[in-house]
Amino acid sequence: MQQAEKIDNDDYDGSTEMTAASCLSAVKSILAGELPMDAYSKVIPVLIPVFNFVFSSDGCDYIDEGSDILNIVLYHLDFIEP
């Protein structure tokens, strides 16, 4: 019985990781599109928890996607509030 539970948990973990990576990829695609300049500053408060996670030891599997998103946002901002 424990073996079946382990397999189910492994499948669940794999699907959640794939979903998380897909969400980050979608955010990256949206931000890479042509958006109004103020959209980038408005999205920062939403992205801060994402950055806090992907740049931590728990979220290091997603550091490439997080770095790409951060790069896009920083490229489009003239000023970052503290």
PDB file of N, CA and C in Angstrom:
ATOM      1  N   MET A   1       0.814  -1.189   0.000  1.00  0.00           N
ATOM      2  CA  MET A   1       0.000   0.000   0.000  1.00  0.00           C
ATOM      3  C   MET A   1       0.865   1.263   0.000  1.00  0.00           C
ATOM      4  N   GLN A   2       1.983   1.237   0.751  1.00  0.00           N
ATOM      5  CA  GLN A   2       2.856   2.397   0.786  1.00  0.00           C
ATOM      6  C   GLN A   2       3.499   2.656  -0.574  1.00  0.00           C
ATOM      7  N   GLN A   3       3.795   1.610  -1.321  1.00  0.00           N
ATOM      8  CA  GLN A   3       4.406   1.773  -2.641  1.00  0.00           C
ATOM      9  C   GLN A   3       3.458   2.530  -3.568  1.00  0.00           C
ATOM     10  N   ALA A   4       2.173   2.195  -3.540  1.00  0.00           N
ATOM     11  CA  ALA A   4       1.197   2.892  -4.378  1.00  0.00           C
ATOM     12  C   ALA A   4       1.092   4.355  -3.984  1.00  0.00           C
ATOM     13  N   GLU A   5       1.119   4.638  -2.687  1.00  0.00           N
ATOM     14  CA  GLU A   5       1.064   6.028  -2.237  1.00  0.00           C
ATOM     15  C   GLU A   5       2.301   6.785  -2.691  1.00  0.00           C
ATOM     16  N   LYS A   6       3.465   6.156  -2.659  1.00  0.00           N
ATOM     17  CA  LYS A   6       4.708   6.799  -3.087  1.00  0.00           C
ATOM     18  C   LYS A   6       4.656   7.135  -4.564  1.00  0.00           C
ATOM     19  N   ILE A   7       4.158   6.226  -5.379  1.00  0.00           N
ATOM     20  CA  ILE A   7       4.044   6.478  -6.818  1.00  0.00           C
ATOM     21  C   ILE A   7       3.089   7.629  -7.070  1.00  0.00           C
ATOM     22  N   ASP A   8       1.961   7.656  -6.374  1.00  0.00           N
ATOM     23  CA  ASP A   8       1.002   8.736  -6.544  1.00  0.00           C
ATOM     24  C   ASP A   8       1.605  10.078  -6.148  1.00  0.00           C
ATOM     25  N   ASN A   9       2.356  10.118  -5.057  1.00  0.00           N
ATOM     26  CA  ASN A   9       2.996  11.356  -4.629  1.00  0.00           C
ATOM     27  C   ASN A   9       4.045  11.809  -5.629  1.00  0.00           C
ATOM     28  N   ASP A  10       4.805  10.878  -6.191  1.00  0.00           N
ATOM     29  CA  ASP A  10       5.800  11.230  -7.196  1.00  0.00           C
ATOM     30  C   ASP A  10       5.130  11.815  -8.434  1.00  0.00           C
ATOM     31  N   ASP A  11       4.020  11.229  -8.876  1.00  0.00           N
ATOM     32  CA  ASP A  11       3.289  11.759 -10.023  1.00  0.00           C
ATOM     33  C   ASP A  11       2.749  13.148  -9.720  1.00  0.00           C
ATOM     34  N   TYR A  12       2.229  13.324  -8.506  1.00  0.00           N
ATOM     35  CA  TYR A  12       1.690  14.621  -8.099  1.00  0.00           C
ATOM     36  C   TYR A  12       2.793  15.670  -8.081  1.00  0.00           C
ATOM     37  N   ASP A  13       3.953  15.338  -7.498  1.00  0.00           N
ATOM     38  CA  ASP A  13       5.065  16.278  -7.450  1.00  0.00           C
ATOM     39  C   ASP A  13       5.544  16.633  -8.853  1.00  0.00           C
ATOM     40  N   GLY A  14       5.606  15.652  -9.729  1.00  0.00           N
ATOM     41  CA  GLY A  14       6.034  15.913 -11.101  1.00  0.00           C
ATOM     42  C   GLY A  14       5.066  16.806 -11.840  1.00  0.00           C
ATOM     43  N   SER A  15       3.789  16.589 -11.647  1.00  0.00           N
ATOM     44  CA  SER A  15       2.808  17.412 -12.358  1.00  0.00           C
ATOM     45  C   SER A  15       2.765  18.824 -11.789  1.00  0.00           C
ATOM     46  N   THR A  16       2.964  18.987 -10.485  1.00  0.00           N
ATOM     47  CA  THR A  16       2.973  20.342  -9.927  1.00  0.00           C
ATOM     48  C   THR A  16       4.213  21.105 -10.367  1.00  0.00           C
ATOM     49  N   GLU A  17       5.338  20.421 -10.479  1.00  0.00           N
ATOM     50  CA  GLU A  17       6.549  21.084 -10.961  1.00  0.00           C
ATOM     51  C   GLU A  17       6.394  21.517 -12.409  1.00  0.00           C
ATOM     52  N   MET A  18       5.790  20.661 -13.222  1.00  0.00           N
ATOM     53  CA  MET A  18       5.576  21.007 -14.623  1.00  0.00           C
ATOM     54  C   MET A  18       4.589  22.167 -14.745  1.00  0.00           C
ATOM     55  N   THR A  19       3.575  22.182 -13.909  1.00  0.00           N
ATOM     56  CA  THR A  19       2.602  23.274 -13.919  1.00  0.00           C
ATOM     57  C   THR A  19       3.259  24.580 -13.506  1.00  0.00           C
ATOM     58  N   ALA A  20       4.094  24.540 -12.479  1.00  0.00           N
ATOM     59  CA  ALA A  20       4.787  25.744 -12.031  1.00  0.00           C
ATOM     60  C   ALA A  20       5.703  26.286 -13.126  1.00  0.00           C
ATOM     61  N   ALA A  21       6.434  25.412 -13.779  1.00  0.00           N
ATOM     62  CA  ALA A  21       7.319  25.843 -14.870  1.00  0.00           C
ATOM     63  C   ALA A  21       6.515  26.427 -16.024  1.00  0.00           C
ATOM     64  N   SER A  22       5.368  25.846 -16.303  1.00  0.00           N
ATOM     65  CA  SER A  22       4.505  26.364 -17.378  1.00  0.00           C
ATOM     66  C   SER A  22       3.963  27.741 -17.030  1.00  0.00           C
ATOM     67  N   CYS A  23       3.595  27.945 -15.773  1.00  0.00           N
ATOM     68  CA  CYS A  23       3.105  29.256 -15.345  1.00  0.00           C
ATOM     69  C   CYS A  23       4.193  30.320 -15.472  1.00  0.00           C
ATOM     70  N   LEU A  24       5.393  29.979 -15.060  1.00  0.00           N
ATOM     71  CA  LEU A  24       6.504  30.927 -15.188  1.00  0.00           C
ATOM     72  C   LEU A  24       6.802  31.225 -16.649  1.00  0.00           C
ATOM     73  N   SER A  25       6.694  30.220 -17.491  1.00  0.00           N
ATOM     74  CA  SER A  25       6.901  30.427 -18.926  1.00  0.00           C
ATOM     75  C   SER A  25       5.829  31.346 -19.504  1.00  0.00           C
ATOM     76  N   ALA A  26       4.594  31.190 -19.039  1.00  0.00           N
ATOM     77  CA  ALA A  26       3.504  32.052 -19.508  1.00  0.00           C
ATOM     78  C   ALA A  26       3.726  33.495 -19.068  1.00  0.00           C
ATOM     79  N   VAL A  27       4.148  33.688 -17.826  1.00  0.00           N
ATOM     80  CA  VAL A  27       4.444  35.036 -17.329  1.00  0.00           C
ATOM     81  C   VAL A  27       5.561  35.657 -18.161  1.00  0.00           C
ATOM     82  N   LYS A  28       6.577  34.885 -18.448  1.00  0.00           N
ATOM     83  CA  LYS A  28       7.693  35.371 -19.266  1.00  0.00           C
ATOM     84  C   LYS A  28       7.215  35.786 -20.646  1.00  0.00           C
ATOM     85  N   SER A  29       6.367  34.987 -21.260  1.00  0.00           N
ATOM     86  CA  SER A  29       5.849  35.309 -22.601  1.00  0.00           C
ATOM     87  C   SER A  29       5.007  36.574 -22.588  1.00  0.00           C
ATOM     88  N   ILE A  30       4.186  36.724 -21.560  1.00  0.00           N
ATOM     89  CA  ILE A  30       3.340  37.922 -21.468  1.00  0.00           C
ATOM     90  C   ILE A  30       4.202  39.163 -21.302  1.00  0.00           C
ATOM     91  N   LEU A  31       5.177  39.101 -20.408  1.00  0.00           N
ATOM     92  CA  LEU A  31       6.033  40.262 -20.159  1.00  0.00           C
ATOM     93  C   LEU A  31       6.938  40.581 -21.340  1.00  0.00           C
ATOM     94  N   ALA A  32       7.262  39.584 -22.146  1.00  0.00           N
ATOM     95  CA  ALA A  32       8.118  39.812 -23.307  1.00  0.00           C
ATOM     96  C   ALA A  32       7.348  40.474 -24.451  1.00  0.00           C
ATOM     97  N   GLY A  33       6.027  40.457 -24.371  1.00  0.00           N
ATOM     98  CA  GLY A  33       5.214  41.087 -25.403  1.00  0.00           C
ATOM     99  C   GLY A  33       5.248  42.601 -25.272  1.00  0.00           C
ATOM    100  N   GLU A  34       4.561  43.244 -26.171  1.00  0.00           N
ATOM    101  CA  GLU A  34       4.502  44.704 -26.136  1.00  0.00           C
ATOM    102  C   GLU A  34       3.447  45.139 -25.133  1.00  0.00           C
ATOM    103  N   LEU A  35       3.902  45.622 -23.994  1.00  0.00           N
ATOM    104  CA  LEU A  35       3.024  46.099 -22.938  1.00  0.00           C
ATOM    105  C   LEU A  35       3.278  47.583 -22.716  1.00  0.00           C
ATOM    106  N   PRO A  36       2.298  48.287 -22.178  1.00  0.00           N
ATOM    107  CA  PRO A  36       2.552  49.685 -21.799  1.00  0.00           C
ATOM    108  C   PRO A  36       3.659  49.733 -20.745  1.00  0.00           C
ATOM    109  N   MET A  37       4.443  50.770 -20.764  1.00  0.00           N
ATOM    110  CA  MET A  37       5.587  50.856 -19.860  1.00  0.00           C
ATOM    111  C   MET A  37       5.176  50.798 -18.389  1.00  0.00           C
ATOM    112  N   ASP A  38       4.019  51.346 -18.044  1.00  0.00           N
ATOM    113  CA  ASP A  38       3.609  51.329 -16.644  1.00  0.00           C
ATOM    114  C   ASP A  38       3.192  49.936 -16.174  1.00  0.00           C
ATOM    115  N   ALA A  39       2.942  49.033 -17.089  1.00  0.00           N
ATOM    116  CA  ALA A  39       2.559  47.665 -16.719  1.00  0.00           C
ATOM    117  C   ALA A  39       3.700  46.964 -15.983  1.00  0.00           C
ATOM    118  N   TYR A  40       4.914  47.250 -16.376  1.00  0.00           N
ATOM    119  CA  TYR A  40       6.064  46.593 -15.747  1.00  0.00           C
ATOM    120  C   TYR A  40       6.235  47.026 -14.294  1.00  0.00           C
ATOM    121  N   SER A  41       6.016  48.304 -14.017  1.00  0.00           N
ATOM    122  CA  SER A  41       6.117  48.756 -12.625  1.00  0.00           C
ATOM    123  C   SER A  41       4.945  48.258 -11.793  1.00  0.00           C
ATOM    124  N   LYS A  42       3.792  48.098 -12.415  1.00  0.00           N
ATOM    125  CA  LYS A  42       2.611  47.617 -11.688  1.00  0.00           C
ATOM    126  C   LYS A  42       2.698  46.127 -11.363  1.00  0.00           C
ATOM    127  N   VAL A  43       3.446  45.373 -12.129  1.00  0.00           N
ATOM    128  CA  VAL A  43       3.540  43.934 -11.916  1.00  0.00           C
ATOM    129  C   VAL A  43       4.582  43.561 -10.853  1.00  0.00           C
ATOM    130  N   ILE A  44       5.457  44.478 -10.508  1.00  0.00           N
ATOM    131  CA  ILE A  44       6.521  44.198  -9.541  1.00  0.00           C
ATOM    132  C   ILE A  44       5.978  43.665  -8.208  1.00  0.00           C
ATOM    133  N   PRO A  45       4.962  44.296  -7.589  1.00  0.00           N
ATOM    134  CA  PRO A  45       4.473  43.752  -6.302  1.00  0.00           C
ATOM    135  C   PRO A  45       3.944  42.318  -6.415  1.00  0.00           C
ATOM    136  N   VAL A  46       3.432  41.956  -7.565  1.00  0.00           N
ATOM    137  CA  VAL A  46       2.940  40.592  -7.770  1.00  0.00           C
ATOM    138  C   VAL A  46       4.106  39.619  -7.938  1.00  0.00           C
ATOM    139  N   LEU A  47       5.176  40.079  -8.563  1.00  0.00           N
ATOM    140  CA  LEU A  47       6.309  39.204  -8.854  1.00  0.00           C
ATOM    141  C   LEU A  47       7.294  39.049  -7.699  1.00  0.00           C
ATOM    142  N   ILE A  48       7.275  39.948  -6.736  1.00  0.00           N
ATOM    143  CA  ILE A  48       8.245  39.868  -5.635  1.00  0.00           C
ATOM    144  C   ILE A  48       8.159  38.527  -4.902  1.00  0.00           C
ATOM    145  N   PRO A  49       6.964  38.032  -4.551  1.00  0.00           N
ATOM    146  CA  PRO A  49       6.936  36.696  -3.913  1.00  0.00           C
ATOM    147  C   PRO A  49       7.464  35.584  -4.826  1.00  0.00           C
ATOM    148  N   VAL A  50       7.242  35.731  -6.118  1.00  0.00           N
ATOM    149  CA  VAL A  50       7.762  34.744  -7.072  1.00  0.00           C
ATOM    150  C   VAL A  50       9.292  34.777  -7.056  1.00  0.00           C
ATOM    151  N   PHE A  51       9.856  35.984  -7.112  1.00  0.00           N
ATOM    152  CA  PHE A  51      11.314  36.109  -7.070  1.00  0.00           C
ATOM    153  C   PHE A  51      11.873  35.581  -5.749  1.00  0.00           C
ATOM    154  N   ASN A  52      11.197  35.881  -4.660  1.00  0.00           N
ATOM    155  CA  ASN A  52      11.653  35.376  -3.358  1.00  0.00           C
ATOM    156  C   ASN A  52      11.701  33.857  -3.341  1.00  0.00           C
ATOM    157  N   PHE A  53      10.757  33.225  -4.015  1.00  0.00           N
ATOM    158  CA  PHE A  53      10.742  31.767  -4.051  1.00  0.00           C
ATOM    159  C   PHE A  53      11.795  31.203  -5.008  1.00  0.00           C
ATOM    160  N   VAL A  54      11.836  31.708  -6.242  1.00  0.00           N
ATOM    161  CA  VAL A  54      12.728  31.096  -7.229  1.00  0.00           C
ATOM    162  C   VAL A  54      14.204  31.333  -6.915  1.00  0.00           C
ATOM    163  N   PHE A  55      14.500  32.379  -6.154  1.00  0.00           N
ATOM    164  CA  PHE A  55      15.883  32.635  -5.785  1.00  0.00           C
ATOM    165  C   PHE A  55      16.212  32.101  -4.393  1.00  0.00           C
ATOM    166  N   SER A  56      15.380  31.181  -3.892  1.00  0.00           N
ATOM    167  CA  SER A  56      15.645  30.510  -2.618  1.00  0.00           C
ATOM    168  C   SER A  56      16.067  29.067  -2.892  1.00  0.00           C
ATOM    169  N   SER A  57      16.495  28.392  -1.859  1.00  0.00           N
ATOM    170  CA  SER A  57      16.905  27.000  -2.047  1.00  0.00           C
ATOM    171  C   SER A  57      15.716  26.100  -2.394  1.00  0.00           C
ATOM    172  N   ASP A  58      14.519  26.458  -1.940  1.00  0.00           N
ATOM    173  CA  ASP A  58      13.333  25.657  -2.264  1.00  0.00           C
ATOM    174  C   ASP A  58      12.917  25.784  -3.728  1.00  0.00           C
ATOM    175  N   GLY A  59      13.143  26.942  -4.324  1.00  0.00           N
ATOM    176  CA  GLY A  59      12.694  27.169  -5.691  1.00  0.00           C
ATOM    177  C   GLY A  59      13.802  27.202  -6.709  1.00  0.00           C
ATOM    178  N   CYS A  60      14.982  26.732  -6.342  1.00  0.00           N
ATOM    179  CA  CYS A  60      16.137  26.846  -7.238  1.00  0.00           C
ATOM    180  C   CYS A  60      15.957  26.085  -8.555  1.00  0.00           C
ATOM    181  N   ASP A  61      15.000  25.160  -8.616  1.00  0.00           N
ATOM    182  CA  ASP A  61      14.737  24.465  -9.879  1.00  0.00           C
ATOM    183  C   ASP A  61      14.191  25.416 -10.943  1.00  0.00           C
ATOM    184  N   TYR A  62      13.670  26.557 -10.504  1.00  0.00           N
ATOM    185  CA  TYR A  62      13.041  27.507 -11.419  1.00  0.00           C
ATOM    186  C   TYR A  62      13.859  28.790 -11.580  1.00  0.00           C
ATOM    187  N   ILE A  63      15.121  28.736 -11.212  1.00  0.00           N
ATOM    188  CA  ILE A  63      15.943  29.946 -11.216  1.00  0.00           C
ATOM    189  C   ILE A  63      16.136  30.502 -12.636  1.00  0.00           C
ATOM    190  N   ASP A  64      16.210  29.649 -13.637  1.00  0.00           N
ATOM    191  CA  ASP A  64      16.369  30.142 -15.010  1.00  0.00           C
ATOM    192  C   ASP A  64      15.150  30.949 -15.441  1.00  0.00           C
ATOM    193  N   GLU A  65      13.964  30.406 -15.187  1.00  0.00           N
ATOM    194  CA  GLU A  65      12.743  31.119 -15.559  1.00  0.00           C
ATOM    195  C   GLU A  65      12.619  32.423 -14.763  1.00  0.00           C
ATOM    196  N   GLY A  66      12.936  32.371 -13.467  1.00  0.00           N
ATOM    197  CA  GLY A  66      12.875  33.567 -12.642  1.00  0.00           C
ATOM    198  C   GLY A  66      13.861  34.625 -13.098  1.00  0.00           C
ATOM    199  N   SER A  67      15.051  34.199 -13.477  1.00  0.00           N
ATOM    200  CA  SER A  67      16.059  35.143 -13.979  1.00  0.00           C
ATOM    201  C   SER A  67      15.609  35.786 -15.281  1.00  0.00           C
ATOM    202  N   ASP A  68      15.004  35.005 -16.149  1.00  0.00           N
ATOM    203  CA  ASP A  68      14.504  35.552 -17.418  1.00  0.00           C
ATOM    204  C   ASP A  68      13.414  36.596 -17.177  1.00  0.00           C
ATOM    205  N   ILE A  69      12.514  36.302 -16.254  1.00  0.00           N
ATOM    206  CA  ILE A  69      11.432  37.245 -15.941  1.00  0.00           C
ATOM    207  C   ILE A  69      12.011  38.515 -15.332  1.00  0.00           C
ATOM    208  N   LEU A  70      12.927  38.372 -14.401  1.00  0.00           N
ATOM    209  CA  LEU A  70      13.561  39.533 -13.781  1.00  0.00           C
ATOM    210  C   LEU A  70      14.296  40.371 -14.822  1.00  0.00           C
ATOM    211  N   ASN A  71      14.981  39.725 -15.728  1.00  0.00           N
ATOM    212  CA  ASN A  71      15.694  40.428 -16.791  1.00  0.00           C
ATOM    213  C   ASN A  71      14.739  41.255 -17.653  1.00  0.00           C
ATOM    214  N   ILE A  72      13.618  40.671 -18.029  1.00  0.00           N
ATOM    215  CA  ILE A  72      12.639  41.377 -18.866  1.00  0.00           C
ATOM    216  C   ILE A  72      12.098  42.594 -18.132  1.00  0.00           C
ATOM    217  N   VAL A  73      11.730  42.409 -16.872  1.00  0.00           N
ATOM    218  CA  VAL A  73      11.165  43.517 -16.097  1.00  0.00           C
ATOM    219  C   VAL A  73      12.190  44.627 -15.916  1.00  0.00           C
ATOM    220  N   LEU A  74      13.410  44.275 -15.544  1.00  0.00           N
ATOM    221  CA  LEU A  74      14.439  45.290 -15.327  1.00  0.00           C
ATOM    222  C   LEU A  74      14.787  46.036 -16.606  1.00  0.00           C
ATOM    223  N   TYR A  75      14.753  45.345 -17.722  1.00  0.00           N
ATOM    224  CA  TYR A  75      15.054  45.981 -19.006  1.00  0.00           C
ATOM    225  C   TYR A  75      14.042  47.083 -19.321  1.00  0.00           C
ATOM    226  N   HIS A  76      12.794  46.862 -18.942  1.00  0.00           N
ATOM    227  CA  HIS A  76      11.728  47.808 -19.292  1.00  0.00           C
ATOM    228  C   HIS A  76      11.489  48.891 -18.245  1.00  0.00           C
ATOM    229  N   LEU A  77      12.170  48.846 -17.118  1.00  0.00           N
ATOM    230  CA  LEU A  77      11.965  49.846 -16.081  1.00  0.00           C
ATOM    231  C   LEU A  77      13.053  50.900 -16.097  1.00  0.00           C
ATOM    232  N   ASP A  78      12.652  52.146 -15.913  1.00  0.00           N
ATOM    233  CA  ASP A  78      13.619  53.229 -15.767  1.00  0.00           C
ATOM    234  C   ASP A  78      14.000  53.423 -14.302  1.00  0.00           C
ATOM    235  N   PHE A  79      13.069  53.082 -13.425  1.00  0.00           N
ATOM    236  CA  PHE A  79      13.260  53.310 -11.996  1.00  0.00           C
ATOM    237  C   PHE A  79      12.569  52.198 -11.229  1.00  0.00           C
ATOM    238  N   ILE A  80      13.206  51.727 -10.166  1.00  0.00           N
ATOM    239  CA  ILE A  80      12.620  50.714  -9.304  1.00  0.00           C
ATOM    240  C   ILE A  80      12.455  51.320  -7.926  1.00  0.00           C
ATOM    241  N   GLU A  81      11.230  51.291  -7.420  1.00  0.00           N
ATOM    242  CA  GLU A  81      10.998  51.823  -6.079  1.00  0.00           C
ATOM    243  C   GLU A  81      11.620  50.895  -5.045  1.00  0.00           C
ATOM    244  N   PRO A  82      12.106  51.462  -3.946  1.00  0.00           N
ATOM    245  CA  PRO A  82      12.745  50.624  -2.901  1.00  0.00           C
ATOM    246  C   PRO A  82      11.825  49.570  -2.326  1.00  0.00           C
TER     247      PRO A  82
END
